[in-house]
């Protein structure tokens, strides 16, 4: 039986939010867990969970942080709805939404790219295919927040953007539940091993 969703009062990118993420399987990790992220293996993810990450930031990340609130404002005005950032939990999964609108049961996932020329985005521009690891992230976000629809907004500026709608894929969710719990079991085994070495 599905657990009841829980909305958590956390400010994204705060110290409490980072601490919260350590205890859950996060939506942004689902692509890796499902084998859909070409940039990270499960082993690398586990290592990151156990020992932390030495990644600081880069130009693309900083651009995304700087532009995201502008993109959210643009989309909220476009839809005439206030999409607020929100964090939801359906244990053991957690999802941090870029925007959530309760009345319409919809959510928003924003990507603010530095440039369009990235080869990994070729299929999106030519065939409107969302990168698999972002699609997996959105599926987990839909599951955790129990929303009926997600808007995937790729934003450059107010006159240069793409919006794609995404609905929940039940068969993917079933697979995500199995692989997510398997990953968590593996992670906890490694945590126990480390504890015994202290």
N, C-alpha and C. Protein backbone atom coordinates (compact mmCIF):
# COMPACT_ATOMS: atom_id res chain seq x y z
N UNK A 1 0.83 -1.20 0.00
CA UNK A 1 0.00 0.00 0.00
C UNK A 1 0.87 1.26 0.00
N UNK A 2 0.49 2.24 -0.76
CA UNK A 2 1.26 3.48 -0.87
C UNK A 2 1.16 4.29 0.42
N UNK A 3 2.31 4.81 0.87
CA UNK A 3 2.30 5.66 2.06
C UNK A 3 1.76 7.03 1.69
N UNK A 4 1.28 7.73 2.71
CA UNK A 4 0.74 9.07 2.48
C UNK A 4 1.88 10.03 2.18
N UNK A 5 1.67 10.89 1.19
CA UNK A 5 2.70 11.89 0.88
C UNK A 5 2.84 12.86 2.04
N UNK A 6 4.02 13.40 2.17
CA UNK A 6 4.29 14.35 3.23
C UNK A 6 5.00 15.56 2.64
N UNK A 7 4.44 16.74 2.87
CA UNK A 7 5.10 17.97 2.43
C UNK A 7 6.01 18.44 3.56
N UNK A 8 7.28 18.64 3.24
CA UNK A 8 8.26 19.02 4.26
C UNK A 8 8.58 20.50 4.13
N UNK A 9 8.59 21.18 5.26
CA UNK A 9 8.87 22.62 5.25
C UNK A 9 10.38 22.86 5.27
N UNK A 10 10.98 22.86 4.08
CA UNK A 10 12.43 23.04 3.96
C UNK A 10 12.73 24.01 2.83
N UNK A 11 13.68 24.88 3.05
CA UNK A 11 14.14 25.78 1.98
C UNK A 11 15.21 25.05 1.18
N UNK A 12 15.00 24.94 -0.13
CA UNK A 12 15.97 24.23 -0.96
C UNK A 12 17.33 24.91 -0.93
N UNK A 13 18.37 24.07 -0.93
CA UNK A 13 19.78 24.49 -0.86
C UNK A 13 20.20 25.02 0.52
N UNK A 14 19.32 24.89 1.52
CA UNK A 14 19.71 25.26 2.89
C UNK A 14 20.46 24.08 3.51
N UNK A 15 21.12 24.34 4.64
CA UNK A 15 21.87 23.29 5.34
C UNK A 15 20.93 22.16 5.75
N UNK A 16 19.72 22.51 6.25
CA UNK A 16 18.74 21.50 6.68
C UNK A 16 18.28 20.64 5.50
N UNK A 17 18.15 21.27 4.34
CA UNK A 17 17.74 20.56 3.12
C UNK A 17 18.80 19.55 2.71
N UNK A 18 20.07 19.95 2.73
CA UNK A 18 21.16 19.02 2.39
C UNK A 18 21.20 17.86 3.38
N UNK A 19 20.95 18.14 4.66
CA UNK A 19 20.94 17.10 5.68
C UNK A 19 19.77 16.14 5.45
N UNK A 20 18.61 16.69 5.09
CA UNK A 20 17.42 15.89 4.78
C UNK A 20 17.70 14.92 3.63
N UNK A 21 18.37 15.42 2.59
CA UNK A 21 18.64 14.61 1.40
C UNK A 21 19.52 13.39 1.69
N UNK A 22 20.35 13.48 2.71
CA UNK A 22 21.24 12.36 3.06
C UNK A 22 20.46 11.13 3.51
N UNK A 23 19.23 11.35 3.99
CA UNK A 23 18.45 10.25 4.57
C UNK A 23 17.43 9.63 3.62
N UNK A 24 17.41 10.11 2.37
CA UNK A 24 16.39 9.63 1.42
C UNK A 24 16.99 9.26 0.07
N UNK A 25 16.18 8.53 -0.70
CA UNK A 25 16.49 8.31 -2.11
C UNK A 25 15.87 9.50 -2.82
N UNK A 26 16.71 10.36 -3.39
CA UNK A 26 16.23 11.62 -3.96
C UNK A 26 15.88 11.50 -5.44
N UNK A 27 14.90 12.29 -5.87
CA UNK A 27 14.43 12.23 -7.26
C UNK A 27 15.57 12.41 -8.26
N UNK A 28 16.52 13.29 -7.93
CA UNK A 28 17.64 13.54 -8.85
C UNK A 28 18.60 12.35 -8.94
N UNK A 29 18.45 11.37 -8.04
CA UNK A 29 19.30 10.17 -8.06
C UNK A 29 18.67 9.02 -8.82
N UNK A 30 17.39 9.14 -9.15
CA UNK A 30 16.65 8.02 -9.76
C UNK A 30 17.24 7.61 -11.11
N UNK A 31 17.65 8.58 -11.91
CA UNK A 31 18.26 8.27 -13.20
C UNK A 31 19.46 7.35 -13.05
N UNK A 32 20.28 7.60 -12.04
CA UNK A 32 21.46 6.76 -11.77
C UNK A 32 21.02 5.38 -11.30
N UNK A 33 20.08 5.33 -10.36
CA UNK A 33 19.60 4.06 -9.80
C UNK A 33 18.96 3.19 -10.88
N UNK A 34 18.31 3.81 -11.86
CA UNK A 34 17.64 3.07 -12.93
C UNK A 34 18.58 2.79 -14.11
N UNK A 35 19.83 3.20 -14.01
CA UNK A 35 20.80 2.97 -15.09
C UNK A 35 20.59 3.87 -16.29
N UNK A 36 20.01 5.05 -16.07
CA UNK A 36 19.70 5.98 -17.17
C UNK A 36 20.63 7.19 -17.22
N UNK A 37 21.56 7.27 -16.27
CA UNK A 37 22.46 8.42 -16.21
C UNK A 37 23.85 8.02 -16.70
N UNK A 38 24.24 8.49 -17.89
CA UNK A 38 25.55 8.10 -18.44
C UNK A 38 26.73 8.74 -17.70
N UNK A 39 26.43 9.68 -16.81
CA UNK A 39 27.50 10.42 -16.12
C UNK A 39 27.79 9.91 -14.71
N UNK A 40 26.99 8.92 -14.24
CA UNK A 40 27.21 8.43 -12.88
C UNK A 40 26.73 6.99 -12.74
N UNK A 41 27.54 6.16 -12.10
CA UNK A 41 27.16 4.76 -11.83
C UNK A 41 26.56 4.68 -10.42
N UNK A 42 25.92 3.56 -10.13
CA UNK A 42 25.36 3.35 -8.79
C UNK A 42 26.48 3.37 -7.75
N UNK A 43 27.63 2.77 -8.11
CA UNK A 43 28.76 2.72 -7.19
C UNK A 43 29.25 4.13 -6.84
N UNK A 44 29.27 4.99 -7.85
CA UNK A 44 29.69 6.39 -7.62
C UNK A 44 28.68 7.12 -6.74
N UNK A 45 27.40 6.83 -6.95
CA UNK A 45 26.35 7.44 -6.13
C UNK A 45 26.48 6.99 -4.67
N UNK A 46 26.69 5.68 -4.48
CA UNK A 46 26.84 5.14 -3.12
C UNK A 46 28.04 5.79 -2.42
N UNK A 47 29.15 5.91 -3.15
CA UNK A 47 30.36 6.53 -2.59
C UNK A 47 30.08 7.97 -2.16
N UNK A 48 29.32 8.66 -3.00
CA UNK A 48 28.95 10.05 -2.72
C UNK A 48 28.09 10.13 -1.45
N UNK A 49 27.17 9.17 -1.31
CA UNK A 49 26.29 9.14 -0.14
C UNK A 49 27.08 8.83 1.14
N UNK A 50 28.08 7.97 1.01
CA UNK A 50 28.86 7.56 2.18
C UNK A 50 29.90 8.59 2.60
N UNK A 51 30.56 9.18 1.62
CA UNK A 51 31.70 10.05 1.93
C UNK A 51 31.49 11.52 1.56
N UNK A 52 30.33 11.84 0.97
CA UNK A 52 30.09 13.22 0.53
C UNK A 52 30.69 13.45 -0.85
N UNK A 53 30.41 14.61 -1.40
CA UNK A 53 30.89 14.94 -2.75
C UNK A 53 31.88 16.09 -2.67
N UNK A 54 32.92 16.01 -3.50
CA UNK A 54 33.89 17.12 -3.52
C UNK A 54 33.55 18.13 -4.63
N UNK A 55 32.37 17.90 -5.28
CA UNK A 55 31.94 18.85 -6.31
C UNK A 55 31.53 20.16 -5.66
N UNK A 56 32.07 21.26 -6.15
CA UNK A 56 31.74 22.57 -5.58
C UNK A 56 30.67 23.22 -6.46
N UNK A 57 31.06 23.68 -7.63
CA UNK A 57 30.10 24.29 -8.56
C UNK A 57 30.79 24.49 -9.90
N UNK A 58 30.02 24.91 -10.89
CA UNK A 58 30.60 25.28 -12.18
C UNK A 58 29.71 26.35 -12.81
N UNK A 59 30.10 26.81 -13.98
CA UNK A 59 29.39 27.91 -14.63
C UNK A 59 27.93 27.57 -14.92
N UNK A 60 27.70 26.34 -15.40
CA UNK A 60 26.33 25.93 -15.75
C UNK A 60 25.43 25.88 -14.52
N UNK A 61 25.96 25.35 -13.41
CA UNK A 61 25.19 25.26 -12.16
C UNK A 61 24.85 26.65 -11.64
N UNK A 62 25.84 27.53 -11.66
CA UNK A 62 25.63 28.91 -11.18
C UNK A 62 24.60 29.64 -12.04
N UNK A 63 24.67 29.41 -13.35
CA UNK A 63 23.70 30.02 -14.27
C UNK A 63 22.29 29.53 -13.95
N UNK A 64 22.16 28.21 -13.70
CA UNK A 64 20.86 27.63 -13.36
C UNK A 64 20.28 28.23 -12.10
N UNK A 65 21.12 28.34 -11.06
CA UNK A 65 20.67 28.91 -9.78
C UNK A 65 20.20 30.36 -9.95
N UNK A 66 20.97 31.10 -10.74
CA UNK A 66 20.70 32.53 -10.94
C UNK A 66 19.41 32.76 -11.75
N UNK A 67 19.14 31.85 -12.70
CA UNK A 67 18.04 32.06 -13.65
C UNK A 67 16.74 31.38 -13.23
N UNK A 68 16.82 30.41 -12.32
CA UNK A 68 15.64 29.60 -11.99
C UNK A 68 14.46 30.40 -11.45
N UNK A 69 14.71 31.37 -10.58
CA UNK A 69 13.59 32.15 -10.02
C UNK A 69 12.92 33.01 -11.10
N UNK A 70 13.72 33.47 -12.05
CA UNK A 70 13.18 34.24 -13.19
C UNK A 70 12.28 33.33 -14.04
N UNK A 71 12.74 32.10 -14.27
CA UNK A 71 11.96 31.13 -15.05
C UNK A 71 10.66 30.78 -14.33
N UNK A 72 10.73 30.62 -13.01
CA UNK A 72 9.54 30.29 -12.22
C UNK A 72 8.52 31.43 -12.29
N UNK A 73 9.00 32.66 -12.16
CA UNK A 73 8.11 33.82 -12.26
C UNK A 73 7.44 33.88 -13.63
N UNK A 74 8.24 33.67 -14.68
CA UNK A 74 7.71 33.68 -16.05
C UNK A 74 6.61 32.64 -16.21
N UNK A 75 6.87 31.40 -15.74
CA UNK A 75 5.90 30.32 -15.91
C UNK A 75 4.64 30.56 -15.08
N UNK A 76 4.82 31.06 -13.86
CA UNK A 76 3.67 31.36 -12.98
C UNK A 76 2.75 32.39 -13.62
N UNK A 77 3.35 33.40 -14.26
CA UNK A 77 2.56 34.44 -14.94
C UNK A 77 1.88 33.85 -16.18
N UNK A 78 2.63 33.02 -16.92
CA UNK A 78 2.10 32.38 -18.13
C UNK A 78 0.85 31.55 -17.81
N UNK A 79 0.89 30.81 -16.70
CA UNK A 79 -0.22 29.93 -16.31
C UNK A 79 -1.23 30.60 -15.37
N UNK A 80 -0.89 31.80 -14.90
CA UNK A 80 -1.72 32.51 -13.92
C UNK A 80 -1.94 31.66 -12.66
N UNK A 81 -0.85 31.02 -12.22
CA UNK A 81 -0.85 30.21 -11.00
C UNK A 81 0.49 30.44 -10.29
N UNK A 82 0.46 30.43 -8.98
CA UNK A 82 1.71 30.62 -8.23
C UNK A 82 2.38 29.27 -7.96
N UNK A 83 3.44 28.98 -8.70
CA UNK A 83 4.18 27.73 -8.51
C UNK A 83 5.30 27.96 -7.49
N UNK A 84 5.11 27.36 -6.30
CA UNK A 84 6.08 27.54 -5.21
C UNK A 84 7.00 26.32 -5.12
N UNK A 85 8.30 26.54 -4.87
CA UNK A 85 9.19 25.40 -4.62
C UNK A 85 8.66 24.60 -3.42
N UNK A 86 8.78 23.27 -3.47
CA UNK A 86 8.26 22.43 -2.39
C UNK A 86 9.03 21.12 -2.31
N UNK A 87 9.10 20.56 -1.11
CA UNK A 87 9.77 19.27 -0.89
C UNK A 87 8.72 18.27 -0.41
N UNK A 88 8.68 17.10 -1.08
CA UNK A 88 7.73 16.05 -0.71
C UNK A 88 8.47 14.75 -0.42
N UNK A 89 7.88 13.97 0.49
CA UNK A 89 8.45 12.66 0.83
C UNK A 89 7.38 11.59 0.69
N UNK A 90 7.74 10.50 0.02
CA UNK A 90 7.00 9.23 0.07
C UNK A 90 8.09 8.23 0.40
N UNK A 91 8.32 8.02 1.70
CA UNK A 91 9.48 7.24 2.15
C UNK A 91 9.61 5.92 1.38
N UNK A 92 10.83 5.58 0.94
CA UNK A 92 12.12 6.23 1.23
C UNK A 92 12.52 7.30 0.20
N UNK A 93 11.55 7.74 -0.62
CA UNK A 93 11.88 8.69 -1.69
C UNK A 93 11.58 10.13 -1.27
N UNK A 94 12.37 11.05 -1.78
CA UNK A 94 12.15 12.48 -1.52
C UNK A 94 12.32 13.24 -2.84
N UNK A 95 11.51 14.27 -3.00
CA UNK A 95 11.58 15.07 -4.24
C UNK A 95 11.50 16.55 -3.91
N UNK A 96 12.39 17.31 -4.51
CA UNK A 96 12.40 18.77 -4.35
C UNK A 96 11.90 19.39 -5.65
N UNK A 97 10.68 19.89 -5.62
CA UNK A 97 10.04 20.44 -6.82
C UNK A 97 10.43 21.91 -7.02
N UNK A 98 10.71 22.27 -8.26
CA UNK A 98 10.99 23.68 -8.57
C UNK A 98 9.73 24.52 -8.42
N UNK A 99 8.58 23.88 -8.64
CA UNK A 99 7.31 24.58 -8.48
C UNK A 99 6.17 23.60 -8.23
N UNK A 100 5.25 23.98 -7.35
CA UNK A 100 4.11 23.13 -7.01
C UNK A 100 2.87 24.00 -6.89
N UNK A 101 1.78 23.53 -7.53
CA UNK A 101 0.50 24.25 -7.44
C UNK A 101 -0.56 23.26 -6.99
N UNK A 102 -0.99 23.42 -5.74
CA UNK A 102 -1.87 22.43 -5.10
C UNK A 102 -3.22 22.31 -5.78
N UNK A 103 -3.87 23.43 -6.07
CA UNK A 103 -5.24 23.39 -6.62
C UNK A 103 -5.33 22.63 -7.94
N UNK A 104 -4.35 22.83 -8.81
CA UNK A 104 -4.39 22.17 -10.12
C UNK A 104 -3.70 20.80 -10.11
N UNK A 105 -3.10 20.46 -8.96
CA UNK A 105 -2.34 19.20 -8.83
C UNK A 105 -1.28 19.06 -9.94
N UNK A 106 -0.56 20.16 -10.16
CA UNK A 106 0.51 20.15 -11.17
C UNK A 106 1.81 20.62 -10.53
N UNK A 107 2.91 20.26 -11.18
CA UNK A 107 4.23 20.63 -10.69
C UNK A 107 5.09 21.14 -11.84
N UNK A 108 6.20 21.74 -11.48
CA UNK A 108 7.08 22.36 -12.46
C UNK A 108 8.52 21.90 -12.22
N UNK A 109 9.17 21.47 -13.30
CA UNK A 109 10.61 21.17 -13.27
C UNK A 109 11.28 22.10 -14.26
N UNK A 110 12.26 22.85 -13.78
CA UNK A 110 12.92 23.87 -14.61
C UNK A 110 14.35 23.48 -14.94
N UNK A 111 14.74 23.68 -16.19
CA UNK A 111 16.14 23.58 -16.59
C UNK A 111 16.50 24.88 -17.30
N UNK A 112 17.50 25.56 -16.78
CA UNK A 112 18.00 26.80 -17.39
C UNK A 112 19.38 26.52 -17.96
N UNK A 113 19.43 26.26 -19.26
CA UNK A 113 20.70 25.87 -19.89
C UNK A 113 21.56 27.08 -20.18
N UNK A 114 22.86 26.84 -20.12
CA UNK A 114 23.82 27.90 -20.44
C UNK A 114 23.85 28.14 -21.94
N UNK A 115 23.79 27.01 -22.70
CA UNK A 115 23.76 27.12 -24.17
C UNK A 115 22.99 25.94 -24.76
N UNK A 116 22.49 26.12 -25.98
CA UNK A 116 21.67 25.09 -26.63
C UNK A 116 22.50 24.01 -27.31
N UNK A 117 23.78 24.29 -27.54
CA UNK A 117 24.58 23.42 -28.41
C UNK A 117 25.01 22.10 -27.79
N UNK A 118 24.72 21.86 -26.53
CA UNK A 118 25.17 20.64 -25.86
C UNK A 118 24.69 19.39 -26.61
N UNK A 119 25.62 18.46 -26.97
CA UNK A 119 25.24 17.26 -27.73
C UNK A 119 24.20 16.40 -26.99
N UNK A 120 24.24 16.40 -25.65
CA UNK A 120 23.30 15.56 -24.89
C UNK A 120 21.85 16.04 -25.02
N UNK A 121 21.66 17.30 -25.45
CA UNK A 121 20.31 17.84 -25.61
C UNK A 121 19.80 17.75 -27.05
N UNK A 122 20.58 17.14 -27.95
CA UNK A 122 20.24 17.06 -29.38
C UNK A 122 18.84 16.44 -29.60
N UNK A 123 18.56 15.31 -28.93
CA UNK A 123 17.27 14.64 -29.10
C UNK A 123 16.10 15.49 -28.60
N UNK A 124 16.37 16.31 -27.59
CA UNK A 124 15.30 17.17 -27.08
C UNK A 124 14.93 18.23 -28.11
N UNK A 125 15.95 18.88 -28.70
CA UNK A 125 15.67 19.94 -29.67
C UNK A 125 15.10 19.39 -30.97
N UNK A 126 15.57 18.21 -31.39
CA UNK A 126 15.13 17.67 -32.68
C UNK A 126 13.86 16.83 -32.59
N UNK A 127 13.70 16.06 -31.48
CA UNK A 127 12.57 15.13 -31.38
C UNK A 127 11.70 15.33 -30.13
N UNK A 128 12.01 16.36 -29.35
CA UNK A 128 11.28 16.64 -28.10
C UNK A 128 11.34 15.48 -27.10
N UNK A 129 12.48 14.77 -27.10
CA UNK A 129 12.67 13.67 -26.15
C UNK A 129 13.45 14.20 -24.94
N UNK A 130 12.83 14.16 -23.77
CA UNK A 130 13.49 14.62 -22.54
C UNK A 130 14.63 13.65 -22.21
N UNK A 131 15.76 14.19 -21.77
CA UNK A 131 16.88 13.34 -21.39
C UNK A 131 16.39 12.32 -20.37
N UNK A 132 16.72 11.01 -20.57
CA UNK A 132 16.14 9.95 -19.73
C UNK A 132 16.31 10.16 -18.23
N UNK A 133 17.46 10.68 -17.80
CA UNK A 133 17.65 10.85 -16.35
C UNK A 133 16.84 12.01 -15.79
N UNK A 134 16.50 12.99 -16.62
CA UNK A 134 15.59 14.06 -16.18
C UNK A 134 14.15 13.56 -16.16
N UNK A 135 13.80 12.74 -17.15
CA UNK A 135 12.46 12.15 -17.20
C UNK A 135 12.24 11.28 -15.96
N UNK A 136 13.26 10.50 -15.59
CA UNK A 136 13.18 9.64 -14.40
C UNK A 136 13.00 10.49 -13.13
N UNK A 137 13.72 11.59 -13.07
CA UNK A 137 13.61 12.52 -11.94
C UNK A 137 12.17 13.04 -11.82
N UNK A 138 11.59 13.43 -12.96
CA UNK A 138 10.22 13.97 -12.97
C UNK A 138 9.22 12.89 -12.53
N UNK A 139 9.43 11.65 -12.95
CA UNK A 139 8.55 10.55 -12.53
C UNK A 139 8.53 10.41 -11.02
N UNK A 140 9.70 10.48 -10.41
CA UNK A 140 9.79 10.38 -8.95
C UNK A 140 9.13 11.59 -8.28
N UNK A 141 9.28 12.75 -8.88
CA UNK A 141 8.66 13.97 -8.34
C UNK A 141 7.13 13.86 -8.40
N UNK A 142 6.61 13.35 -9.52
CA UNK A 142 5.16 13.14 -9.65
C UNK A 142 4.67 12.15 -8.59
N UNK A 143 5.44 11.09 -8.40
CA UNK A 143 5.08 10.05 -7.42
C UNK A 143 5.06 10.62 -6.00
N UNK A 144 6.11 11.33 -5.62
CA UNK A 144 6.23 11.85 -4.24
C UNK A 144 5.18 12.92 -3.93
N UNK A 145 4.88 13.75 -4.91
CA UNK A 145 3.95 14.87 -4.68
C UNK A 145 2.50 14.52 -5.00
N UNK A 146 2.30 13.34 -5.61
CA UNK A 146 0.96 12.89 -6.03
C UNK A 146 0.27 13.93 -6.91
N UNK A 147 1.05 14.53 -7.79
CA UNK A 147 0.47 15.47 -8.76
C UNK A 147 0.08 14.71 -10.02
N UNK A 148 -0.84 15.28 -10.78
CA UNK A 148 -1.35 14.58 -11.96
C UNK A 148 -0.54 14.88 -13.22
N UNK A 149 0.20 15.99 -13.18
CA UNK A 149 0.94 16.39 -14.38
C UNK A 149 2.15 17.24 -14.00
N UNK A 150 3.24 17.07 -14.78
CA UNK A 150 4.42 17.92 -14.59
C UNK A 150 4.64 18.74 -15.85
N UNK A 151 5.08 19.95 -15.66
CA UNK A 151 5.52 20.80 -16.77
C UNK A 151 7.05 20.84 -16.72
N UNK A 152 7.66 20.46 -17.83
CA UNK A 152 9.12 20.50 -17.95
C UNK A 152 9.45 21.75 -18.75
N UNK A 153 10.02 22.73 -18.08
CA UNK A 153 10.32 24.02 -18.70
C UNK A 153 11.81 24.16 -18.95
N UNK A 154 12.19 24.26 -20.21
CA UNK A 154 13.58 24.58 -20.57
C UNK A 154 13.58 26.05 -20.95
N UNK A 155 14.27 26.84 -20.13
CA UNK A 155 14.13 28.29 -20.21
C UNK A 155 15.47 28.98 -20.50
N UNK A 156 15.41 29.87 -21.49
CA UNK A 156 16.56 30.75 -21.76
C UNK A 156 16.19 32.18 -21.39
N UNK A 157 15.08 32.65 -21.96
CA UNK A 157 14.50 33.95 -21.59
C UNK A 157 13.02 33.92 -21.93
N UNK A 158 12.30 35.01 -21.61
CA UNK A 158 10.84 35.02 -21.75
C UNK A 158 10.34 34.75 -23.17
N UNK A 159 11.16 35.01 -24.17
CA UNK A 159 10.73 34.75 -25.56
C UNK A 159 11.48 33.56 -26.17
N UNK A 160 12.15 32.80 -25.33
CA UNK A 160 12.93 31.65 -25.81
C UNK A 160 12.86 30.53 -24.77
N UNK A 161 11.89 29.63 -24.96
CA UNK A 161 11.67 28.56 -23.98
C UNK A 161 10.90 27.41 -24.65
N UNK A 162 10.93 26.25 -23.99
CA UNK A 162 10.15 25.09 -24.44
C UNK A 162 9.46 24.50 -23.22
N UNK A 163 8.18 24.16 -23.36
CA UNK A 163 7.45 23.51 -22.27
C UNK A 163 6.94 22.15 -22.76
N UNK A 164 7.19 21.12 -21.96
CA UNK A 164 6.68 19.80 -22.30
C UNK A 164 5.93 19.23 -21.11
N UNK A 165 4.80 18.60 -21.37
CA UNK A 165 4.01 18.00 -20.29
C UNK A 165 4.41 16.54 -20.09
N UNK A 166 4.46 16.13 -18.82
CA UNK A 166 4.83 14.75 -18.48
C UNK A 166 3.80 14.21 -17.49
N UNK A 167 3.30 13.00 -17.76
CA UNK A 167 2.36 12.34 -16.84
C UNK A 167 3.03 11.13 -16.19
N UNK A 168 2.45 10.67 -15.10
CA UNK A 168 3.01 9.54 -14.36
C UNK A 168 2.97 8.26 -15.20
N UNK A 169 4.06 7.52 -15.20
CA UNK A 169 4.16 6.24 -15.88
C UNK A 169 4.18 5.15 -14.80
N UNK A 170 3.04 4.49 -14.60
CA UNK A 170 2.90 3.51 -13.51
C UNK A 170 3.90 2.36 -13.60
N UNK A 171 4.18 1.88 -14.81
CA UNK A 171 5.11 0.76 -14.94
C UNK A 171 6.53 1.19 -14.55
N UNK A 172 6.89 2.43 -14.88
CA UNK A 172 8.19 2.95 -14.47
C UNK A 172 8.26 3.05 -12.95
N UNK A 173 7.17 3.53 -12.33
CA UNK A 173 7.13 3.69 -10.87
C UNK A 173 7.32 2.34 -10.18
N UNK A 174 6.67 1.30 -10.70
CA UNK A 174 6.82 -0.04 -10.10
C UNK A 174 8.28 -0.49 -10.14
N UNK A 175 8.92 -0.25 -11.28
CA UNK A 175 10.34 -0.60 -11.43
C UNK A 175 11.21 0.27 -10.51
N UNK A 176 10.85 1.54 -10.40
CA UNK A 176 11.59 2.47 -9.53
C UNK A 176 11.52 2.01 -8.07
N UNK A 177 10.35 1.55 -7.64
CA UNK A 177 10.18 1.09 -6.26
C UNK A 177 11.08 -0.11 -5.98
N UNK A 178 11.12 -1.04 -6.91
CA UNK A 178 11.95 -2.24 -6.75
C UNK A 178 13.43 -1.86 -6.71
N UNK A 179 13.88 -1.11 -7.72
CA UNK A 179 15.30 -0.76 -7.81
C UNK A 179 15.72 0.23 -6.72
N UNK A 180 14.80 1.11 -6.33
CA UNK A 180 15.09 2.07 -5.26
C UNK A 180 15.32 1.37 -3.94
N UNK A 181 14.48 0.39 -3.61
CA UNK A 181 14.64 -0.36 -2.36
C UNK A 181 15.90 -1.24 -2.41
N UNK A 182 16.19 -1.78 -3.59
CA UNK A 182 17.40 -2.60 -3.74
C UNK A 182 18.65 -1.75 -3.50
N UNK A 183 18.64 -0.55 -4.08
CA UNK A 183 19.77 0.39 -3.90
C UNK A 183 19.91 0.77 -2.43
N UNK A 184 18.79 1.03 -1.77
CA UNK A 184 18.80 1.44 -0.36
C UNK A 184 19.36 0.32 0.53
N UNK A 185 18.99 -0.91 0.21
CA UNK A 185 19.49 -2.06 0.97
C UNK A 185 21.01 -2.15 0.83
N UNK A 186 21.48 -1.98 -0.40
CA UNK A 186 22.92 -2.01 -0.68
C UNK A 186 23.64 -0.88 0.07
N UNK A 187 23.07 0.32 0.02
CA UNK A 187 23.65 1.48 0.69
C UNK A 187 23.74 1.24 2.20
N UNK A 188 22.67 0.71 2.78
CA UNK A 188 22.65 0.46 4.23
C UNK A 188 23.66 -0.61 4.65
N UNK A 189 23.87 -1.60 3.77
CA UNK A 189 24.89 -2.62 4.05
C UNK A 189 26.28 -2.00 4.12
N UNK A 190 26.55 -1.09 3.18
CA UNK A 190 27.85 -0.40 3.19
C UNK A 190 27.98 0.52 4.41
N UNK A 191 26.88 1.14 4.80
CA UNK A 191 26.90 1.99 6.00
C UNK A 191 27.25 1.18 7.24
N UNK A 192 26.67 -0.03 7.33
CA UNK A 192 26.96 -0.92 8.45
C UNK A 192 28.43 -1.34 8.45
N UNK A 193 28.94 -1.66 7.28
CA UNK A 193 30.36 -2.04 7.15
C UNK A 193 31.26 -0.92 7.66
N UNK A 194 30.94 0.30 7.27
CA UNK A 194 31.74 1.46 7.70
C UNK A 194 31.65 1.66 9.21
N UNK A 195 30.44 1.45 9.75
CA UNK A 195 30.23 1.63 11.19
C UNK A 195 31.10 0.65 11.98
N UNK A 196 31.22 -0.58 11.45
CA UNK A 196 32.01 -1.61 12.12
C UNK A 196 33.51 -1.33 12.07
N UNK A 197 33.91 -0.45 11.17
CA UNK A 197 35.33 -0.12 11.03
C UNK A 197 35.73 1.07 11.92
N UNK A 198 34.74 1.69 12.54
CA UNK A 198 35.05 2.87 13.38
C UNK A 198 35.69 2.46 14.70
